[in-house]
């Protein structure tokens, strides 16, 4: 009985170790994440860069962008970010470089680089090929596509995009619609206020008439009383 339990525990430990090792290998890739990113919309891209080398640090990482209209990097102490643009002012890439004196991302560490970007392509998936440069001069290109469901040795970071919503399709038109709604609301409110004022005036007029009649009736009663 004890041997059976021991063997079961041993098998479980080995399986868990294998899973942890596999997860460690899978997470050692450069990736791009953006929860909720949708086609045609704007989002915040987080580039996760782990250092795989045991002896060198990551000192630079470059990521290709799919010709985006907007690309803004988040200030990051110790790093300089540069956005590359085409002749028609489209953002085609971004590079983060460690400043002098900054050792970079050391062995066994990872770093996250943040970028606000959009509008995203109207595609189910978008690829962000990357190049990782180490302090020893080695450059690793993360640009291999995934084929037939098999992950290559250096896969390009890929992001799945949700279907575009009505808001993304509306674009600035959504703001115009909002302005129109605001104008309509203001007009309705003004009309209601004007109607309320007219009603108040009508009620006040009726009250004055009734008051005058009451006063006349009261005066008539007094005069009749004196005559009698």
C-alpha atoms as a PDB file:
ATOM      1  CA  UNK A   1       0.000   0.000   0.000  1.00  0.00           C
ATOM      2  CA  UNK A   2       2.755   2.460   0.991  1.00  0.00           C
ATOM      3  CA  UNK A   3       4.721   1.597  -2.186  1.00  0.00           C
ATOM      4  CA  UNK A   4       1.667   2.267  -4.318  1.00  0.00           C
ATOM      5  CA  UNK A   5       1.110   5.643  -2.673  1.00  0.00           C
ATOM      6  CA  UNK A   6       4.806   6.488  -3.032  1.00  0.00           C
ATOM      7  CA  UNK A   7       4.800   5.585  -6.731  1.00  0.00           C
ATOM      8  CA  UNK A   8       1.649   7.647  -7.321  1.00  0.00           C
ATOM      9  CA  UNK A   9       3.161  10.645  -5.572  1.00  0.00           C
ATOM     10  CA  UNK A  10       6.388  10.235  -7.544  1.00  0.00           C
ATOM     11  CA  UNK A  11       4.509  10.100 -10.841  1.00  0.00           C
ATOM     12  CA  UNK A  12       2.499  13.196  -9.897  1.00  0.00           C
ATOM     13  CA  UNK A  13       5.623  15.141  -8.994  1.00  0.00           C
ATOM     14  CA  UNK A  14       7.315  14.210 -12.291  1.00  0.00           C
ATOM     15  CA  UNK A  15       4.208  15.190 -14.285  1.00  0.00           C
ATOM     16  CA  UNK A  16       3.976  18.513 -12.499  1.00  0.00           C
ATOM     17  CA  UNK A  17       7.658  19.164 -13.101  1.00  0.00           C
ATOM     18  CA  UNK A  18       7.217  18.380 -16.793  1.00  0.00           C
ATOM     19  CA  UNK A  19       4.288  20.780 -17.031  1.00  0.00           C
ATOM     20  CA  UNK A  20       6.218  23.534 -15.254  1.00  0.00           C
ATOM     21  CA  UNK A  21       9.209  23.002 -17.540  1.00  0.00           C
ATOM     22  CA  UNK A  22       6.984  23.126 -20.623  1.00  0.00           C
ATOM     23  CA  UNK A  23       5.321  26.283 -19.385  1.00  0.00           C
ATOM     24  CA  UNK A  24       8.725  27.836 -18.779  1.00  0.00           C
ATOM     25  CA  UNK A  25       9.826  27.069 -22.346  1.00  0.00           C
ATOM     26  CA  UNK A  26       6.590  28.408 -23.822  1.00  0.00           C
ATOM     27  CA  UNK A  27       6.753  31.614 -21.791  1.00  0.00           C
ATOM     28  CA  UNK A  28      10.357  32.272 -22.860  1.00  0.00           C
ATOM     29  CA  UNK A  29       9.201  33.770 -26.164  1.00  0.00           C
ATOM     30  CA  UNK A  30       8.752  37.461 -26.905  1.00  0.00           C
ATOM     31  CA  UNK A  31       4.980  38.041 -26.901  1.00  0.00           C
ATOM     32  CA  UNK A  32       2.497  40.861 -27.445  1.00  0.00           C
ATOM     33  CA  UNK A  33      -0.678  40.955 -25.339  1.00  0.00           C
ATOM     34  CA  UNK A  34      -3.680  43.285 -25.433  1.00  0.00           C
ATOM     35  CA  UNK A  35      -6.831  41.889 -23.752  1.00  0.00           C
ATOM     36  CA  UNK A  36      -9.988  43.018 -25.504  1.00  0.00           C
ATOM     37  CA  UNK A  37      -8.213  44.340 -28.607  1.00  0.00           C
ATOM     38  CA  UNK A  38     -10.658  44.653 -31.518  1.00  0.00           C
ATOM     39  CA  UNK A  39     -10.369  45.149 -35.255  1.00  0.00           C
ATOM     40  CA  UNK A  40     -10.279  48.812 -36.215  1.00  0.00           C
ATOM     41  CA  UNK A  41      -9.954  49.916 -32.597  1.00  0.00           C
ATOM     42  CA  UNK A  42      -7.282  51.441 -30.382  1.00  0.00           C
ATOM     43  CA  UNK A  43      -5.589  49.474 -27.609  1.00  0.00           C
ATOM     44  CA  UNK A  44      -2.585  49.257 -25.297  1.00  0.00           C
ATOM     45  CA  UNK A  45      -0.024  46.725 -26.498  1.00  0.00           C
ATOM     46  CA  UNK A  46       2.241  45.131 -23.901  1.00  0.00           C
ATOM     47  CA  UNK A  47       5.438  43.611 -25.308  1.00  0.00           C
ATOM     48  CA  UNK A  48       6.813  41.002 -22.909  1.00  0.00           C
ATOM     49  CA  UNK A  49      10.519  40.290 -23.374  1.00  0.00           C
ATOM     50  CA  UNK A  50      12.188  37.504 -21.353  1.00  0.00           C
ATOM     51  CA  UNK A  51      15.969  37.080 -21.402  1.00  0.00           C
ATOM     52  CA  UNK A  52      16.820  33.527 -22.460  1.00  0.00           C
ATOM     53  CA  UNK A  53      20.592  33.883 -22.287  1.00  0.00           C
ATOM     54  CA  UNK A  54      22.405  32.671 -19.178  1.00  0.00           C
ATOM     55  CA  UNK A  55      25.321  35.064 -19.644  1.00  0.00           C
ATOM     56  CA  UNK A  56      24.031  38.193 -21.451  1.00  0.00           C
ATOM     57  CA  UNK A  57      21.339  40.816 -20.901  1.00  0.00           C
ATOM     58  CA  UNK A  58      18.698  42.114 -23.287  1.00  0.00           C
ATOM     59  CA  UNK A  59      19.719  45.645 -24.247  1.00  0.00           C
ATOM     60  CA  UNK A  60      17.296  46.362 -27.092  1.00  0.00           C
ATOM     61  CA  UNK A  61      14.059  45.095 -28.620  1.00  0.00           C
ATOM     62  CA  UNK A  62      12.447  46.177 -31.886  1.00  0.00           C
ATOM     63  CA  UNK A  63       8.867  45.393 -32.914  1.00  0.00           C
ATOM     64  CA  UNK A  64       7.334  45.808 -36.378  1.00  0.00           C
ATOM     65  CA  UNK A  65       3.964  47.585 -36.475  1.00  0.00           C
ATOM     66  CA  UNK A  66       1.262  47.123 -39.162  1.00  0.00           C
ATOM     67  CA  UNK A  67       1.291  50.722 -40.467  1.00  0.00           C
ATOM     68  CA  UNK A  68      -0.607  52.291 -37.588  1.00  0.00           C
ATOM     69  CA  UNK A  69      -1.872  55.857 -37.529  1.00  0.00           C
ATOM     70  CA  UNK A  70      -1.100  56.290 -33.828  1.00  0.00           C
ATOM     71  CA  UNK A  71       1.738  54.782 -31.767  1.00  0.00           C
ATOM     72  CA  UNK A  72       2.725  56.284 -28.414  1.00  0.00           C
ATOM     73  CA  UNK A  73       5.209  54.749 -26.009  1.00  0.00           C
ATOM     74  CA  UNK A  74       4.971  54.867 -22.228  1.00  0.00           C
ATOM     75  CA  UNK A  75       7.869  56.670 -20.510  1.00  0.00           C
ATOM     76  CA  UNK A  76      10.191  54.091 -18.983  1.00  0.00           C
ATOM     77  CA  UNK A  77      13.168  55.024 -16.770  1.00  0.00           C
ATOM     78  CA  UNK A  78      16.455  53.713 -18.149  1.00  0.00           C
ATOM     79  CA  UNK A  79      15.110  53.100 -21.660  1.00  0.00           C
ATOM     80  CA  UNK A  80      14.778  55.208 -24.800  1.00  0.00           C
ATOM     81  CA  UNK A  81      11.890  54.463 -27.168  1.00  0.00           C
ATOM     82  CA  UNK A  82      11.909  55.410 -30.842  1.00  0.00           C
ATOM     83  CA  UNK A  83       8.911  55.061 -33.187  1.00  0.00           C
ATOM     84  CA  UNK A  84       9.784  54.548 -36.862  1.00  0.00           C
ATOM     85  CA  UNK A  85       7.429  56.105 -39.424  1.00  0.00           C
ATOM     86  CA  UNK A  86       6.981  55.789 -43.172  1.00  0.00           C
ATOM     87  CA  UNK A  87       6.882  58.619 -45.713  1.00  0.00           C
ATOM     88  CA  UNK A  88       3.105  58.871 -45.231  1.00  0.00           C
ATOM     89  CA  UNK A  89       3.578  59.157 -41.433  1.00  0.00           C
ATOM     90  CA  UNK A  90       2.409  55.619 -40.604  1.00  0.00           C
ATOM     91  CA  UNK A  91       4.024  53.930 -37.591  1.00  0.00           C
ATOM     92  CA  UNK A  92       5.958  50.941 -38.961  1.00  0.00           C
ATOM     93  CA  UNK A  93       7.984  49.955 -35.923  1.00  0.00           C
ATOM     94  CA  UNK A  94       9.175  50.808 -32.429  1.00  0.00           C
ATOM     95  CA  UNK A  95      12.505  50.185 -30.710  1.00  0.00           C
ATOM     96  CA  UNK A  96      13.333  50.272 -27.008  1.00  0.00           C
ATOM     97  CA  UNK A  97      17.048  50.650 -26.185  1.00  0.00           C
ATOM     98  CA  UNK A  98      18.709  50.538 -22.773  1.00  0.00           C
ATOM     99  CA  UNK A  99      20.305  53.860 -21.824  1.00  0.00           C
ATOM    100  CA  UNK A 100      24.053  54.038 -21.076  1.00  0.00           C
ATOM    101  CA  UNK A 101      24.636  52.667 -17.599  1.00  0.00           C
ATOM    102  CA  UNK A 102      21.505  50.525 -17.725  1.00  0.00           C
ATOM    103  CA  UNK A 103      22.544  46.845 -17.825  1.00  0.00           C
ATOM    104  CA  UNK A 104      19.265  45.894 -19.476  1.00  0.00           C
ATOM    105  CA  UNK A 105      17.133  42.841 -18.732  1.00  0.00           C
ATOM    106  CA  UNK A 106      19.401  40.348 -16.995  1.00  0.00           C
ATOM    107  CA  UNK A 107      19.432  36.552 -17.191  1.00  0.00           C
ATOM    108  CA  UNK A 108      16.379  35.014 -15.547  1.00  0.00           C
ATOM    109  CA  UNK A 109      14.460  38.301 -15.835  1.00  0.00           C
ATOM    110  CA  UNK A 110      11.835  39.779 -18.152  1.00  0.00           C
ATOM    111  CA  UNK A 111      10.630  43.270 -18.996  1.00  0.00           C
ATOM    112  CA  UNK A 112       7.328  44.695 -20.269  1.00  0.00           C
ATOM    113  CA  UNK A 113       7.267  47.532 -22.798  1.00  0.00           C
ATOM    114  CA  UNK A 114       3.962  49.378 -23.264  1.00  0.00           C
ATOM    115  CA  UNK A 115       2.612  51.031 -26.396  1.00  0.00           C
ATOM    116  CA  UNK A 116      -0.714  52.766 -27.065  1.00  0.00           C
ATOM    117  CA  UNK A 117      -1.617  52.142 -30.696  1.00  0.00           C
ATOM    118  CA  UNK A 118      -4.317  52.017 -33.358  1.00  0.00           C
ATOM    119  CA  UNK A 119      -6.438  51.713 -35.252  1.00  0.00           C
ATOM    120  CA  UNK A 120      -5.670  48.004 -35.542  1.00  0.00           C
ATOM    121  CA  UNK A 121      -6.045  46.165 -38.871  1.00  0.00           C
ATOM    122  CA  UNK A 122      -9.419  44.634 -39.701  1.00  0.00           C
ATOM    123  CA  UNK A 123      -8.050  41.094 -39.517  1.00  0.00           C
ATOM    124  CA  UNK A 124      -8.596  38.115 -37.236  1.00  0.00           C
ATOM    125  CA  UNK A 125      -4.922  38.054 -36.244  1.00  0.00           C
ATOM    126  CA  UNK A 126      -2.066  40.499 -36.567  1.00  0.00           C
ATOM    127  CA  UNK A 127       1.642  39.714 -36.376  1.00  0.00           C
ATOM    128  CA  UNK A 128       4.336  41.793 -34.650  1.00  0.00           C
ATOM    129  CA  UNK A 129       7.759  40.426 -35.731  1.00  0.00           C
ATOM    130  CA  UNK A 130      10.437  41.354 -33.200  1.00  0.00           C
ATOM    131  CA  UNK A 131      14.227  41.442 -32.858  1.00  0.00           C
ATOM    132  CA  UNK A 132      15.900  40.988 -29.475  1.00  0.00           C
ATOM    133  CA  UNK A 133      19.473  42.229 -29.046  1.00  0.00           C
ATOM    134  CA  UNK A 134      21.765  40.984 -26.256  1.00  0.00           C
ATOM    135  CA  UNK A 135      24.707  42.661 -24.554  1.00  0.00           C
ATOM    136  CA  UNK A 136      27.097  40.170 -26.198  1.00  0.00           C
ATOM    137  CA  UNK A 137      25.951  41.289 -29.666  1.00  0.00           C
ATOM    138  CA  UNK A 138      23.678  38.333 -30.377  1.00  0.00           C
ATOM    139  CA  UNK A 139      20.399  39.178 -32.159  1.00  0.00           C
ATOM    140  CA  UNK A 140      17.389  36.859 -32.030  1.00  0.00           C
ATOM    141  CA  UNK A 141      14.698  37.415 -34.667  1.00  0.00           C
ATOM    142  CA  UNK A 142      11.210  36.474 -33.487  1.00  0.00           C
ATOM    143  CA  UNK A 143       9.630  36.421 -36.930  1.00  0.00           C
ATOM    144  CA  UNK A 144       8.734  32.849 -37.849  1.00  0.00           C
ATOM    145  CA  UNK A 145       5.056  32.195 -38.718  1.00  0.00           C
ATOM    146  CA  UNK A 146       3.112  29.336 -37.193  1.00  0.00           C
ATOM    147  CA  UNK A 147       2.175  26.742 -39.830  1.00  0.00           C
ATOM    148  CA  UNK A 148      -0.223  23.812 -39.519  1.00  0.00           C
ATOM    149  CA  UNK A 149      -0.638  24.526 -35.813  1.00  0.00           C
ATOM    150  CA  UNK A 150       3.033  23.745 -35.109  1.00  0.00           C
ATOM    151  CA  UNK A 151       4.943  26.434 -33.222  1.00  0.00           C
ATOM    152  CA  UNK A 152       8.340  27.276 -34.752  1.00  0.00           C
ATOM    153  CA  UNK A 153      11.513  27.799 -32.736  1.00  0.00           C
ATOM    154  CA  UNK A 154      11.275  31.589 -32.923  1.00  0.00           C
ATOM    155  CA  UNK A 155       7.580  32.443 -33.432  1.00  0.00           C
ATOM    156  CA  UNK A 156       6.541  35.966 -34.321  1.00  0.00           C
ATOM    157  CA  UNK A 157       4.395  37.569 -31.598  1.00  0.00           C
ATOM    158  CA  UNK A 158       0.779  37.288 -32.752  1.00  0.00           C
ATOM    159  CA  UNK A 159      -2.350  38.958 -31.429  1.00  0.00           C
ATOM    160  CA  UNK A 160      -5.910  37.731 -31.971  1.00  0.00           C
ATOM    161  CA  UNK A 161      -8.418  40.521 -32.575  1.00  0.00           C
ATOM    162  CA  UNK A 162     -12.109  40.522 -31.716  1.00  0.00           C
ATOM    163  CA  UNK A 163     -14.657  41.514 -34.349  1.00  0.00           C
ATOM    164  CA  UNK A 164     -15.129  45.246 -34.754  1.00  0.00           C
ATOM    165  CA  UNK A 165     -18.006  46.711 -32.748  1.00  0.00           C
ATOM    166  CA  UNK A 166     -20.402  49.415 -33.886  1.00  0.00           C
ATOM    167  CA  UNK A 167     -18.362  51.990 -31.953  1.00  0.00           C
ATOM    168  CA  UNK A 168     -15.187  51.114 -33.870  1.00  0.00           C
ATOM    169  CA  UNK A 169     -17.037  51.326 -37.204  1.00  0.00           C
ATOM    170  CA  UNK A 170     -18.622  54.643 -36.271  1.00  0.00           C
ATOM    171  CA  UNK A 171     -15.250  56.211 -35.501  1.00  0.00           C
ATOM    172  CA  UNK A 172     -15.545  59.966 -35.259  1.00  0.00           C
ATOM    173  CA  UNK A 173     -19.101  59.616 -36.487  1.00  0.00           C
ATOM    174  CA  UNK A 174     -19.902  58.290 -33.032  1.00  0.00           C
ATOM    175  CA  UNK A 175     -18.783  61.596 -31.575  1.00  0.00           C
ATOM    176  CA  UNK A 176     -20.953  63.426 -34.114  1.00  0.00           C
ATOM    177  CA  UNK A 177     -23.914  61.298 -33.121  1.00  0.00           C
ATOM    178  CA  UNK A 178     -23.217  62.068 -29.478  1.00  0.00           C
ATOM    179  CA  UNK A 179     -23.137  65.779 -30.242  1.00  0.00           C
ATOM    180  CA  UNK A 180     -26.410  65.451 -32.159  1.00  0.00           C
ATOM    181  CA  UNK A 181     -27.981  63.630 -29.228  1.00  0.00           C
ATOM    182  CA  UNK A 182     -26.783  66.358 -26.878  1.00  0.00           C
ATOM    183  CA  UNK A 183     -28.255  69.055 -29.110  1.00  0.00           C
ATOM    184  CA  UNK A 184     -31.573  67.202 -29.340  1.00  0.00           C
ATOM    185  CA  UNK A 185     -31.674  66.799 -25.570  1.00  0.00           C
ATOM    186  CA  UNK A 186     -30.933  70.478 -25.046  1.00  0.00           C
ATOM    187  CA  UNK A 187     -33.680  71.474 -27.519  1.00  0.00           C
ATOM    188  CA  UNK A 188     -36.181  69.174 -25.842  1.00  0.00           C
ATOM    189  CA  UNK A 189     -35.276  70.545 -22.425  1.00  0.00           C
ATOM    190  CA  UNK A 190     -35.647  74.128 -23.637  1.00  0.00           C
ATOM    191  CA  UNK A 191     -39.044  73.343 -25.192  1.00  0.00           C
ATOM    192  CA  UNK A 192     -40.197  71.682 -21.988  1.00  0.00           C
ATOM    193  CA  UNK A 193     -39.029  74.675 -19.969  1.00  0.00           C
ATOM    194  CA  UNK A 194     -40.856  77.083 -22.275  1.00  0.00           C
ATOM    195  CA  UNK A 195     -44.031  74.996 -22.047  1.00  0.00           C
ATOM    196  CA  UNK A 196     -43.710  74.960 -18.260  1.00  0.00           C
ATOM    197  CA  UNK A 197     -43.395  78.751 -18.196  1.00  0.00           C
ATOM    198  CA  UNK A 198     -46.510  79.149 -20.389  1.00  0.00           C
ATOM    199  CA  UNK A 199     -48.465  76.852 -18.093  1.00  0.00           C
ATOM    200  CA  UNK A 200     -47.346  78.814 -15.041  1.00  0.00           C
ATOM    201  CA  UNK A 201     -48.464  82.071 -16.642  1.00  0.00           C
ATOM    202  CA  UNK A 202     -51.855  80.564 -17.565  1.00  0.00           C
ATOM    203  CA  UNK A 203     -52.371  79.262 -14.022  1.00  0.00           C
ATOM    204  CA  UNK A 204     -51.386  82.640 -12.584  1.00  0.00           C
ATOM    205  CA  UNK A 205     -53.871  84.381 -14.910  1.00  0.00           C
ATOM    206  CA  UNK A 206     -56.689  82.062 -13.868  1.00  0.00           C
ATOM    207  CA  UNK A 207     -55.828  82.651 -10.216  1.00  0.00           C
ATOM    208  CA  UNK A 208     -56.008  86.409 -10.699  1.00  0.00           C
ATOM    209  CA  UNK A 209     -59.414  86.146 -12.392  1.00  0.00           C
ATOM    210  CA  UNK A 210     -60.733  83.885  -9.647  1.00  0.00           C
ATOM    211  CA  UNK A 211     -59.346  86.245  -7.043  1.00  0.00           C
ATOM    212  CA  UNK A 212     -61.059  89.215  -8.684  1.00  0.00           C
ATOM    213  CA  UNK A 213     -64.371  87.356  -8.828  1.00  0.00           C
ATOM    214  CA  UNK A 214     -64.034  86.373  -5.182  1.00  0.00           C
ATOM    215  CA  UNK A 215     -63.332  89.941  -4.201  1.00  0.00           C
ATOM    216  CA  UNK A 216     -66.375  91.168  -6.210  1.00  0.00           C
ATOM    217  CA  UNK A 217     -68.642  88.597  -4.585  1.00  0.00           C
ATOM    218  CA  UNK A 218     -67.367  89.515  -1.156  1.00  0.00           C
ATOM    219  CA  UNK A 219     -67.951  93.244  -1.789  1.00  0.00           C
ATOM    220  CA  UNK A 220     -71.455  92.512  -3.023  1.00  0.00           C
ATOM    221  CA  UNK A 221     -72.255  90.626   0.153  1.00  0.00           C
ATOM    222  CA  UNK A 222     -71.029  93.513   2.307  1.00  0.00           C
ATOM    223  CA  UNK A 223     -73.138  96.056   0.418  1.00  0.00           C
ATOM    224  CA  UNK A 224     -76.270  93.908   0.699  1.00  0.00           C
ATOM    225  CA  UNK A 225     -75.670  93.537   4.410  1.00  0.00           C
ATOM    226  CA  UNK A 226     -75.515  97.309   4.919  1.00  0.00           C
ATOM    227  CA  UNK A 227     -78.722  97.903   2.951  1.00  0.00           C
ATOM    228  CA  UNK A 228     -80.572  95.375   5.012  1.00  0.00           C
END
